[in-house]
């Protein structure tokens, strides 16, 4: 089980990189399952962008779809770091895109 904070390297040309405005982030995890790297290349060929990985690029942390207003999937729990006076960047962007 992955539990606690782990670093995540963001892809330079990704939506999440713009949301966070950082190259490296740290997010909290609490899960037993990982992205199946056996399907990584096949998923990327179909348009799923790997937008965030572990620093050694062995673990997929964030995926997104390029041609969608907001399609972001993450392995971590953004709600663990979100506060009423400082919402998580993913929630801020989700609300902004929903308003449009």
PDB file of N, CA and C in Angstrom:
ATOM      1  N   UNK A   1       0.834  -1.185   0.000  1.00  0.00           N
ATOM      2  CA  UNK A   1       0.000   0.000   0.000  1.00  0.00           C
ATOM      3  C   UNK A   1       0.879   1.248   0.000  1.00  0.00           C
ATOM      4  N   UNK A   2       0.577   2.160  -0.918  1.00  0.00           N
ATOM      5  CA  UNK A   2       1.268   3.452  -0.907  1.00  0.00           C
ATOM      6  C   UNK A   2       0.488   4.389  -0.014  1.00  0.00           C
ATOM      7  N   UNK A   3       1.154   4.896   0.992  1.00  0.00           N
ATOM      8  CA  UNK A   3       0.503   5.731   1.992  1.00  0.00           C
ATOM      9  C   UNK A   3       1.413   6.911   2.308  1.00  0.00           C
ATOM     10  N   UNK A   4       0.860   8.117   2.214  1.00  0.00           N
ATOM     11  CA  UNK A   4       1.632   9.313   2.539  1.00  0.00           C
ATOM     12  C   UNK A   4       2.016  10.109   1.308  1.00  0.00           C
ATOM     13  N   UNK A   5       2.908  11.059   1.502  1.00  0.00           N
ATOM     14  CA  UNK A   5       3.308  11.977   0.438  1.00  0.00           C
ATOM     15  C   UNK A   5       4.373  11.350  -0.463  1.00  0.00           C
ATOM     16  N   UNK A   6       4.198  11.548  -1.767  1.00  0.00           N
ATOM     17  CA  UNK A   6       5.155  11.071  -2.766  1.00  0.00           C
ATOM     18  C   UNK A   6       5.382  12.183  -3.790  1.00  0.00           C
ATOM     19  N   UNK A   7       6.607  12.285  -4.311  1.00  0.00           N
ATOM     20  CA  UNK A   7       6.877  13.300  -5.333  1.00  0.00           C
ATOM     21  C   UNK A   7       6.308  12.893  -6.688  1.00  0.00           C
ATOM     22  N   UNK A   8       5.995  13.895  -7.484  1.00  0.00           N
ATOM     23  CA  UNK A   8       5.446  13.685  -8.822  1.00  0.00           C
ATOM     24  C   UNK A   8       6.061  14.712  -9.762  1.00  0.00           C
ATOM     25  N   UNK A   9       6.639  14.231 -10.851  1.00  0.00           N
ATOM     26  CA  UNK A   9       7.235  15.091 -11.877  1.00  0.00           C
ATOM     27  C   UNK A   9       6.182  15.340 -12.952  1.00  0.00           C
ATOM     28  N   UNK A  10       5.920  16.617 -13.241  1.00  0.00           N
ATOM     29  CA  UNK A  10       4.893  16.978 -14.215  1.00  0.00           C
ATOM     30  C   UNK A  10       5.490  17.162 -15.606  1.00  0.00           C
ATOM     31  N   UNK A  11       4.761  16.693 -16.606  1.00  0.00           N
ATOM     32  CA  UNK A  11       5.152  16.848 -17.997  1.00  0.00           C
ATOM     33  C   UNK A  11       5.086  18.324 -18.369  1.00  0.00           C
ATOM     34  N   UNK A  12       6.115  18.824 -19.032  1.00  0.00           N
ATOM     35  CA  UNK A  12       6.203  20.248 -19.351  1.00  0.00           C
ATOM     36  C   UNK A  12       5.009  20.768 -20.146  1.00  0.00           C
ATOM     37  N   UNK A  13       4.579  20.048 -21.150  1.00  0.00           N
ATOM     38  CA  UNK A  13       3.458  20.495 -21.980  1.00  0.00           C
ATOM     39  C   UNK A  13       2.183  19.774 -21.575  1.00  0.00           C
ATOM     40  N   UNK A  14       1.758  20.003 -20.348  1.00  0.00           N
ATOM     41  CA  UNK A  14       0.530  19.371 -19.854  1.00  0.00           C
ATOM     42  C   UNK A  14      -0.359  20.411 -19.194  1.00  0.00           C
ATOM     43  N   UNK A  15      -1.628  20.071 -19.109  1.00  0.00           N
ATOM     44  CA  UNK A  15      -2.586  20.961 -18.440  1.00  0.00           C
ATOM     45  C   UNK A  15      -2.278  21.066 -16.949  1.00  0.00           C
ATOM     46  N   UNK A  16      -1.911  19.951 -16.341  1.00  0.00           N
ATOM     47  CA  UNK A  16      -1.642  19.984 -14.899  1.00  0.00           C
ATOM     48  C   UNK A  16      -0.413  20.821 -14.560  1.00  0.00           C
ATOM     49  N   UNK A  17       0.555  20.863 -15.458  1.00  0.00           N
ATOM     50  CA  UNK A  17       1.736  21.714 -15.237  1.00  0.00           C
ATOM     51  C   UNK A  17       1.302  23.172 -15.140  1.00  0.00           C
ATOM     52  N   UNK A  18       0.365  23.582 -15.999  1.00  0.00           N
ATOM     53  CA  UNK A  18      -0.164  24.951 -15.951  1.00  0.00           C
ATOM     54  C   UNK A  18      -0.965  25.178 -14.666  1.00  0.00           C
ATOM     55  N   UNK A  19      -1.717  24.174 -14.233  1.00  0.00           N
ATOM     56  CA  UNK A  19      -2.528  24.307 -13.012  1.00  0.00           C
ATOM     57  C   UNK A  19      -1.657  24.509 -11.776  1.00  0.00           C
ATOM     58  N   UNK A  20      -0.608  23.724 -11.675  1.00  0.00           N
ATOM     59  CA  UNK A  20       0.274  23.777 -10.508  1.00  0.00           C
ATOM     60  C   UNK A  20       1.335  24.872 -10.618  1.00  0.00           C
ATOM     61  N   UNK A  21       1.721  25.216 -11.845  1.00  0.00           N
ATOM     62  CA  UNK A  21       2.801  26.186 -12.096  1.00  0.00           C
ATOM     63  C   UNK A  21       4.102  25.756 -11.405  1.00  0.00           C
ATOM     64  N   UNK A  22       4.368  24.459 -11.439  1.00  0.00           N
ATOM     65  CA  UNK A  22       5.583  23.877 -10.868  1.00  0.00           C
ATOM     66  C   UNK A  22       6.001  22.679 -11.721  1.00  0.00           C
ATOM     67  N   UNK A  23       7.264  22.306 -11.626  1.00  0.00           N
ATOM     68  CA  UNK A  23       7.747  21.119 -12.330  1.00  0.00           C
ATOM     69  C   UNK A  23       7.588  19.855 -11.499  1.00  0.00           C
ATOM     70  N   UNK A  24       7.712  20.013 -10.179  1.00  0.00           N
ATOM     71  CA  UNK A  24       7.654  18.879  -9.256  1.00  0.00           C
ATOM     72  C   UNK A  24       6.658  19.223  -8.147  1.00  0.00           C
ATOM     73  N   UNK A  25       5.800  18.253  -7.841  1.00  0.00           N
ATOM     74  CA  UNK A  25       4.827  18.434  -6.765  1.00  0.00           C
ATOM     75  C   UNK A  25       4.940  17.263  -5.795  1.00  0.00           C
ATOM     76  N   UNK A  26       4.276  17.379  -4.674  1.00  0.00           N
ATOM     77  CA  UNK A  26       4.188  16.295  -3.698  1.00  0.00           C
ATOM     78  C   UNK A  26       2.722  16.141  -3.332  1.00  0.00           C
ATOM     79  N   UNK A  27       2.215  14.931  -3.475  1.00  0.00           N
ATOM     80  CA  UNK A  27       0.802  14.673  -3.173  1.00  0.00           C
ATOM     81  C   UNK A  27       0.669  13.447  -2.282  1.00  0.00           C
ATOM     82  N   UNK A  28      -0.439  13.405  -1.563  1.00  0.00           N
ATOM     83  CA  UNK A  28      -0.670  12.327  -0.601  1.00  0.00           C
ATOM     84  C   UNK A  28      -1.446  11.175  -1.227  1.00  0.00           C
ATOM     85  N   UNK A  29      -1.004   9.973  -0.920  1.00  0.00           N
ATOM     86  CA  UNK A  29      -1.598   8.749  -1.460  1.00  0.00           C
ATOM     87  C   UNK A  29      -2.181   7.886  -0.338  1.00  0.00           C
ATOM     88  N   UNK A  30      -3.115   7.070  -0.731  1.00  0.00           N
ATOM     89  CA  UNK A  30      -3.655   6.025   0.142  1.00  0.00           C
ATOM     90  C   UNK A  30      -4.353   5.008  -0.760  1.00  0.00           C
ATOM     91  N   UNK A  31      -3.563   4.138  -1.357  1.00  0.00           N
ATOM     92  CA  UNK A  31      -4.148   3.156  -2.272  1.00  0.00           C
ATOM     93  C   UNK A  31      -3.251   1.931  -2.418  1.00  0.00           C
ATOM     94  N   UNK A  32      -3.839   0.897  -2.970  1.00  0.00           N
ATOM     95  CA  UNK A  32      -3.124  -0.368  -3.170  1.00  0.00           C
ATOM     96  C   UNK A  32      -2.843  -0.661  -4.645  1.00  0.00           C
ATOM     97  N   UNK A  33      -3.426   0.099  -5.538  1.00  0.00           N
ATOM     98  CA  UNK A  33      -3.337  -0.219  -6.955  1.00  0.00           C
ATOM     99  C   UNK A  33      -2.531   0.831  -7.707  1.00  0.00           C
ATOM    100  N   UNK A  34      -1.882   0.405  -8.777  1.00  0.00           N
ATOM    101  CA  UNK A  34      -1.092   1.295  -9.612  1.00  0.00           C
ATOM    102  C   UNK A  34      -1.564   1.188 -11.059  1.00  0.00           C
ATOM    103  N   UNK A  35      -1.216   2.166 -11.833  1.00  0.00           N
ATOM    104  CA  UNK A  35      -1.446   2.171 -13.279  1.00  0.00           C
ATOM    105  C   UNK A  35      -0.677   0.992 -13.874  1.00  0.00           C
ATOM    106  N   UNK A  36      -1.311   0.227 -14.723  1.00  0.00           N
ATOM    107  CA  UNK A  36      -0.681  -0.947 -15.308  1.00  0.00           C
ATOM    108  C   UNK A  36       0.211  -0.524 -16.481  1.00  0.00           C
ATOM    109  N   UNK A  37       1.519  -0.516 -16.255  1.00  0.00           N
ATOM    110  CA  UNK A  37       2.466  -0.089 -17.279  1.00  0.00           C
ATOM    111  C   UNK A  37       2.478  -0.996 -18.507  1.00  0.00           C
ATOM    112  N   UNK A  38       1.908  -2.192 -18.417  1.00  0.00           N
ATOM    113  CA  UNK A  38       1.804  -3.066 -19.590  1.00  0.00           C
ATOM    114  C   UNK A  38       0.969  -2.412 -20.694  1.00  0.00           C
ATOM    115  N   UNK A  39       0.074  -1.501 -20.319  1.00  0.00           N
ATOM    116  CA  UNK A  39      -0.822  -0.847 -21.268  1.00  0.00           C
ATOM    117  C   UNK A  39      -0.457   0.619 -21.514  1.00  0.00           C
ATOM    118  N   UNK A  40       0.631   1.048 -20.963  1.00  0.00           N
ATOM    119  CA  UNK A  40       1.023   2.462 -21.037  1.00  0.00           C
ATOM    120  C   UNK A  40       1.158   2.958 -22.485  1.00  0.00           C
ATOM    121  N   UNK A  41       1.941   2.266 -23.293  1.00  0.00           N
ATOM    122  CA  UNK A  41       2.148   2.680 -24.689  1.00  0.00           C
ATOM    123  C   UNK A  41       0.847   2.636 -25.482  1.00  0.00           C
ATOM    124  N   UNK A  42       0.078   1.592 -25.290  1.00  0.00           N
ATOM    125  CA  UNK A  42      -1.196   1.428 -25.999  1.00  0.00           C
ATOM    126  C   UNK A  42      -2.165   2.565 -25.646  1.00  0.00           C
ATOM    127  N   UNK A  43      -2.226   2.943 -24.373  1.00  0.00           N
ATOM    128  CA  UNK A  43      -3.114   4.026 -23.944  1.00  0.00           C
ATOM    129  C   UNK A  43      -2.655   5.369 -24.508  1.00  0.00           C
ATOM    130  N   UNK A  44      -1.345   5.580 -24.531  1.00  0.00           N
ATOM    131  CA  UNK A  44      -0.816   6.831 -25.093  1.00  0.00           C
ATOM    132  C   UNK A  44      -1.096   6.928 -26.595  1.00  0.00           C
ATOM    133  N   UNK A  45      -1.032   5.818 -27.296  1.00  0.00           N
ATOM    134  CA  UNK A  45      -1.331   5.811 -28.733  1.00  0.00           C
ATOM    135  C   UNK A  45      -2.785   6.183 -29.002  1.00  0.00           C
ATOM    136  N   UNK A  46      -3.661   5.924 -28.043  1.00  0.00           N
ATOM    137  CA  UNK A  46      -5.077   6.242 -28.182  1.00  0.00           C
ATOM    138  C   UNK A  46      -5.433   7.627 -27.640  1.00  0.00           C
ATOM    139  N   UNK A  47      -4.429   8.390 -27.185  1.00  0.00           N
ATOM    140  CA  UNK A  47      -4.678   9.778 -26.793  1.00  0.00           C
ATOM    141  C   UNK A  47      -4.614  10.083 -25.317  1.00  0.00           C
ATOM    142  N   UNK A  48      -4.377   9.088 -24.482  1.00  0.00           N
ATOM    143  CA  UNK A  48      -4.266   9.352 -23.047  1.00  0.00           C
ATOM    144  C   UNK A  48      -2.841   9.822 -22.752  1.00  0.00           C
ATOM    145  N   UNK A  49      -2.709  11.040 -22.275  1.00  0.00           N
ATOM    146  CA  UNK A  49      -1.382  11.613 -22.019  1.00  0.00           C
ATOM    147  C   UNK A  49      -0.963  11.326 -20.583  1.00  0.00           C
ATOM    148  N   UNK A  50       0.250  10.821 -20.418  1.00  0.00           N
ATOM    149  CA  UNK A  50       0.827  10.635 -19.084  1.00  0.00           C
ATOM    150  C   UNK A  50       1.377  12.002 -18.679  1.00  0.00           C
ATOM    151  N   UNK A  51       0.693  12.697 -17.787  1.00  0.00           N
ATOM    152  CA  UNK A  51       1.032  14.080 -17.444  1.00  0.00           C
ATOM    153  C   UNK A  51       1.882  14.194 -16.186  1.00  0.00           C
ATOM    154  N   UNK A  52       1.925  13.157 -15.379  1.00  0.00           N
ATOM    155  CA  UNK A  52       2.725  13.183 -14.157  1.00  0.00           C
ATOM    156  C   UNK A  52       3.188  11.786 -13.802  1.00  0.00           C
ATOM    157  N   UNK A  53       4.451  11.678 -13.413  1.00  0.00           N
ATOM    158  CA  UNK A  53       5.025  10.377 -13.047  1.00  0.00           C
ATOM    159  C   UNK A  53       5.871  10.519 -11.791  1.00  0.00           C
ATOM    160  N   UNK A  54       6.255   9.389 -11.241  1.00  0.00           N
ATOM    161  CA  UNK A  54       7.243   9.402 -10.168  1.00  0.00           C
ATOM    162  C   UNK A  54       8.542   9.955 -10.771  1.00  0.00           C
ATOM    163  N   UNK A  55       9.453  10.480  -9.956  1.00  0.00           N
ATOM    164  CA  UNK A  55      10.692  11.052 -10.505  1.00  0.00           C
ATOM    165  C   UNK A  55      11.466  10.106 -11.424  1.00  0.00           C
ATOM    166  N   UNK A  56      11.419   8.809 -11.160  1.00  0.00           N
ATOM    167  CA  UNK A  56      12.123   7.854 -12.022  1.00  0.00           C
ATOM    168  C   UNK A  56      11.264   7.391 -13.208  1.00  0.00           C
ATOM    169  N   UNK A  57      10.062   7.950 -13.329  1.00  0.00           N
ATOM    170  CA  UNK A  57       9.109   7.682 -14.417  1.00  0.00           C
ATOM    171  C   UNK A  57       8.566   6.258 -14.443  1.00  0.00           C
ATOM    172  N   UNK A  58       8.726   5.511 -13.367  1.00  0.00           N
ATOM    173  CA  UNK A  58       8.223   4.133 -13.334  1.00  0.00           C
ATOM    174  C   UNK A  58       6.751   4.046 -12.926  1.00  0.00           C
ATOM    175  N   UNK A  59       6.259   5.043 -12.202  1.00  0.00           N
ATOM    176  CA  UNK A  59       4.863   5.041 -11.753  1.00  0.00           C
ATOM    177  C   UNK A  59       4.102   6.203 -12.384  1.00  0.00           C
ATOM    178  N   UNK A  60       2.953   5.903 -12.957  1.00  0.00           N
ATOM    179  CA  UNK A  60       2.094   6.945 -13.510  1.00  0.00           C
ATOM    180  C   UNK A  60       1.282   7.539 -12.367  1.00  0.00           C
ATOM    181  N   UNK A  61       1.333   8.862 -12.235  1.00  0.00           N
ATOM    182  CA  UNK A  61       0.613   9.562 -11.177  1.00  0.00           C
ATOM    183  C   UNK A  61      -0.609  10.322 -11.703  1.00  0.00           C
ATOM    184  N   UNK A  62      -0.474  10.907 -12.922  1.00  0.00           N
ATOM    185  CA  UNK A  62      -1.548  11.738 -13.476  1.00  0.00           C
ATOM    186  C   UNK A  62      -1.684  11.443 -14.967  1.00  0.00           C
ATOM    187  N   UNK A  63      -2.930  11.343 -15.430  1.00  0.00           N
ATOM    188  CA  UNK A  63      -3.224  11.223 -16.854  1.00  0.00           C
ATOM    189  C   UNK A  63      -4.196  12.331 -17.238  1.00  0.00           C
ATOM    190  N   UNK A  64      -4.192  12.683 -18.524  1.00  0.00           N
ATOM    191  CA  UNK A  64      -5.146  13.681 -19.012  1.00  0.00           C
ATOM    192  C   UNK A  64      -5.415  13.440 -20.487  1.00  0.00           C
ATOM    193  N   UNK A  65      -6.516  13.991 -20.961  1.00  0.00           N
ATOM    194  CA  UNK A  65      -6.845  13.967 -22.388  1.00  0.00           C
ATOM    195  C   UNK A  65      -6.633  15.373 -22.934  1.00  0.00           C
ATOM    196  N   UNK A  66      -5.891  15.455 -24.017  1.00  0.00           N
ATOM    197  CA  UNK A  66      -5.530  16.741 -24.615  1.00  0.00           C
ATOM    198  C   UNK A  66      -6.748  17.517 -25.117  1.00  0.00           C
ATOM    199  N   UNK A  67      -7.637  16.840 -25.832  1.00  0.00           N
ATOM    200  CA  UNK A  67      -8.763  17.519 -26.486  1.00  0.00           C
ATOM    201  C   UNK A  67     -10.044  17.497 -25.676  1.00  0.00           C
ATOM    202  N   UNK A  68      -9.920  17.623 -24.388  1.00  0.00           N
ATOM    203  CA  UNK A  68     -11.077  17.659 -23.491  1.00  0.00           C
ATOM    204  C   UNK A  68     -10.897  18.858 -22.558  1.00  0.00           C
ATOM    205  N   UNK A  69     -11.971  19.585 -22.266  1.00  0.00           N
ATOM    206  CA  UNK A  69     -11.816  20.758 -21.400  1.00  0.00           C
ATOM    207  C   UNK A  69     -11.199  20.424 -20.030  1.00  0.00           C
ATOM    208  N   UNK A  70     -11.624  19.320 -19.438  1.00  0.00           N
ATOM    209  CA  UNK A  70     -11.045  18.906 -18.162  1.00  0.00           C
ATOM    210  C   UNK A  70     -11.234  17.405 -17.991  1.00  0.00           C
ATOM    211  N   UNK A  71     -10.235  16.678 -18.381  1.00  0.00           N
ATOM    212  CA  UNK A  71     -10.204  15.236 -18.132  1.00  0.00           C
ATOM    213  C   UNK A  71      -8.850  14.968 -17.502  1.00  0.00           C
ATOM    214  N   UNK A  72      -8.869  14.833 -16.185  1.00  0.00           N
ATOM    215  CA  UNK A  72      -7.643  14.587 -15.427  1.00  0.00           C
ATOM    216  C   UNK A  72      -7.931  13.448 -14.455  1.00  0.00           C
ATOM    217  N   UNK A  73      -7.072  12.456 -14.474  1.00  0.00           N
ATOM    218  CA  UNK A  73      -7.160  11.363 -13.518  1.00  0.00           C
ATOM    219  C   UNK A  73      -5.873  11.303 -12.724  1.00  0.00           C
ATOM    220  N   UNK A  74      -5.996  11.092 -11.420  1.00  0.00           N
ATOM    221  CA  UNK A  74      -4.785  11.063 -10.596  1.00  0.00           C
ATOM    222  C   UNK A  74      -4.826   9.897  -9.618  1.00  0.00           C
ATOM    223  N   UNK A  75      -3.660   9.432  -9.242  1.00  0.00           N
ATOM    224  CA  UNK A  75      -3.509   8.329  -8.305  1.00  0.00           C
ATOM    225  C   UNK A  75      -3.604   8.805  -6.854  1.00  0.00           C
ATOM    226  N   UNK A  76      -3.405  10.063  -6.615  1.00  0.00           N
ATOM    227  CA  UNK A  76      -3.389  10.615  -5.257  1.00  0.00           C
ATOM    228  C   UNK A  76      -4.764  11.171  -4.885  1.00  0.00           C
ATOM    229  N   UNK A  77      -4.858  11.676  -3.688  1.00  0.00           N
ATOM    230  CA  UNK A  77      -6.105  12.242  -3.171  1.00  0.00           C
ATOM    231  C   UNK A  77      -5.958  13.752  -3.017  1.00  0.00           C
ATOM    232  N   UNK A  78      -6.402  14.536  -4.007  1.00  0.00           N
ATOM    233  CA  UNK A  78      -6.256  15.986  -3.889  1.00  0.00           C
ATOM    234  C   UNK A  78      -7.044  16.568  -2.714  1.00  0.00           C
ATOM    235  N   UNK A  79      -8.100  15.894  -2.308  1.00  0.00           N
ATOM    236  CA  UNK A  79      -8.902  16.401  -1.184  1.00  0.00           C
ATOM    237  C   UNK A  79      -8.114  16.418   0.125  1.00  0.00           C
ATOM    238  N   UNK A  80      -7.057  15.606   0.227  1.00  0.00           N
ATOM    239  CA  UNK A  80      -6.250  15.579   1.451  1.00  0.00           C
ATOM    240  C   UNK A  80      -5.500  16.890   1.670  1.00  0.00           C
ATOM    241  N   UNK A  81      -5.228  17.636   0.585  1.00  0.00           N
ATOM    242  CA  UNK A  81      -4.463  18.878   0.707  1.00  0.00           C
ATOM    243  C   UNK A  81      -5.302  20.120   0.409  1.00  0.00           C
ATOM    244  N   UNK A  82      -6.591  19.957   0.196  1.00  0.00           N
ATOM    245  CA  UNK A  82      -7.464  21.081  -0.123  1.00  0.00           C
ATOM    246  C   UNK A  82      -8.081  21.657   1.152  1.00  0.00           C
ATOM    247  N   UNK A  83      -8.105  22.967   1.226  1.00  0.00           N
ATOM    248  CA  UNK A  83      -8.687  23.668   2.380  1.00  0.00           C
ATOM    249  C   UNK A  83      -9.653  24.741   1.875  1.00  0.00           C
ATOM    250  N   UNK A  84     -10.656  25.131   2.680  1.00  0.00           N
ATOM    251  CA  UNK A  84     -11.611  26.157   2.232  1.00  0.00           C
ATOM    252  C   UNK A  84     -10.934  27.460   1.794  1.00  0.00           C
ATOM    253  N   UNK A  85      -9.881  27.842   2.481  1.00  0.00           N
ATOM    254  CA  UNK A  85      -9.198  29.092   2.137  1.00  0.00           C
ATOM    255  C   UNK A  85      -8.024  28.888   1.170  1.00  0.00           C
ATOM    256  N   UNK A  86      -7.724  27.623   0.820  1.00  0.00           N
ATOM    257  CA  UNK A  86      -6.655  27.305  -0.141  1.00  0.00           C
ATOM    258  C   UNK A  86      -7.020  26.008  -0.866  1.00  0.00           C
ATOM    259  N   UNK A  87      -7.937  26.123  -1.848  1.00  0.00           N
ATOM    260  CA  UNK A  87      -8.369  24.914  -2.558  1.00  0.00           C
ATOM    261  C   UNK A  87      -7.250  24.330  -3.412  1.00  0.00           C
ATOM    262  N   UNK A  88      -7.307  23.034  -3.595  1.00  0.00           N
ATOM    263  CA  UNK A  88      -6.323  22.317  -4.414  1.00  0.00           C
ATOM    264  C   UNK A  88      -6.415  22.801  -5.865  1.00  0.00           C
ATOM    265  N   UNK A  89      -5.278  22.908  -6.568  1.00  0.00           N
ATOM    266  CA  UNK A  89      -5.284  23.379  -7.970  1.00  0.00           C
ATOM    267  C   UNK A  89      -6.200  22.580  -8.906  1.00  0.00           C
ATOM    268  N   UNK A  90      -6.327  21.278  -8.690  1.00  0.00           N
ATOM    269  CA  UNK A  90      -7.209  20.484  -9.551  1.00  0.00           C
ATOM    270  C   UNK A  90      -8.674  20.870  -9.355  1.00  0.00           C
ATOM    271  N   UNK A  91      -9.055  21.159  -8.116  1.00  0.00           N
ATOM    272  CA  UNK A  91     -10.438  21.566  -7.856  1.00  0.00           C
ATOM    273  C   UNK A  91     -10.718  22.960  -8.402  1.00  0.00           C
ATOM    274  N   UNK A  92      -9.758  23.851  -8.279  1.00  0.00           N
ATOM    275  CA  UNK A  92      -9.904  25.213  -8.811  1.00  0.00           C
ATOM    276  C   UNK A  92     -10.159  25.155 -10.313  1.00  0.00           C
ATOM    277  N   UNK A  93      -9.373  24.362 -11.030  1.00  0.00           N
ATOM    278  CA  UNK A  93      -9.513  24.259 -12.480  1.00  0.00           C
ATOM    279  C   UNK A  93     -10.802  23.543 -12.880  1.00  0.00           C
ATOM    280  N   UNK A  94     -11.188  22.507 -12.142  1.00  0.00           N
ATOM    281  CA  UNK A  94     -12.436  21.804 -12.422  1.00  0.00           C
ATOM    282  C   UNK A  94     -13.623  22.770 -12.317  1.00  0.00           C
ATOM    283  N   UNK A  95     -13.667  23.564 -11.275  1.00  0.00           N
ATOM    284  CA  UNK A  95     -14.764  24.532 -11.091  1.00  0.00           C
ATOM    285  C   UNK A  95     -14.728  25.575 -12.205  1.00  0.00           C
ATOM    286  N   UNK A  96     -13.547  26.078 -12.530  1.00  0.00           N
ATOM    287  CA  UNK A  96     -13.410  27.093 -13.594  1.00  0.00           C
ATOM    288  C   UNK A  96     -13.923  26.549 -14.927  1.00  0.00           C
ATOM    289  N   UNK A  97     -13.544  25.329 -15.274  1.00  0.00           N
ATOM    290  CA  UNK A  97     -13.998  24.730 -16.531  1.00  0.00           C
ATOM    291  C   UNK A  97     -15.485  24.429 -16.504  1.00  0.00           C
ATOM    292  N   UNK A  98     -16.008  24.070 -15.334  1.00  0.00           N
ATOM    293  CA  UNK A  98     -17.442  23.777 -15.205  1.00  0.00           C
ATOM    294  C   UNK A  98     -18.285  25.039 -15.391  1.00  0.00           C
ATOM    295  N   UNK A  99     -17.785  26.153 -14.924  1.00  0.00           N
ATOM    296  CA  UNK A  99     -18.498  27.418 -15.065  1.00  0.00           C
ATOM    297  C   UNK A  99     -18.615  27.803 -16.530  1.00  0.00           C
ATOM    298  N   UNK A 100     -17.542  27.555 -17.305  1.00  0.00           N
ATOM    299  CA  UNK A 100     -17.561  27.868 -18.734  1.00  0.00           C
ATOM    300  C   UNK A 100     -18.587  26.999 -19.449  1.00  0.00           C
TER     301      UNK A 100
END
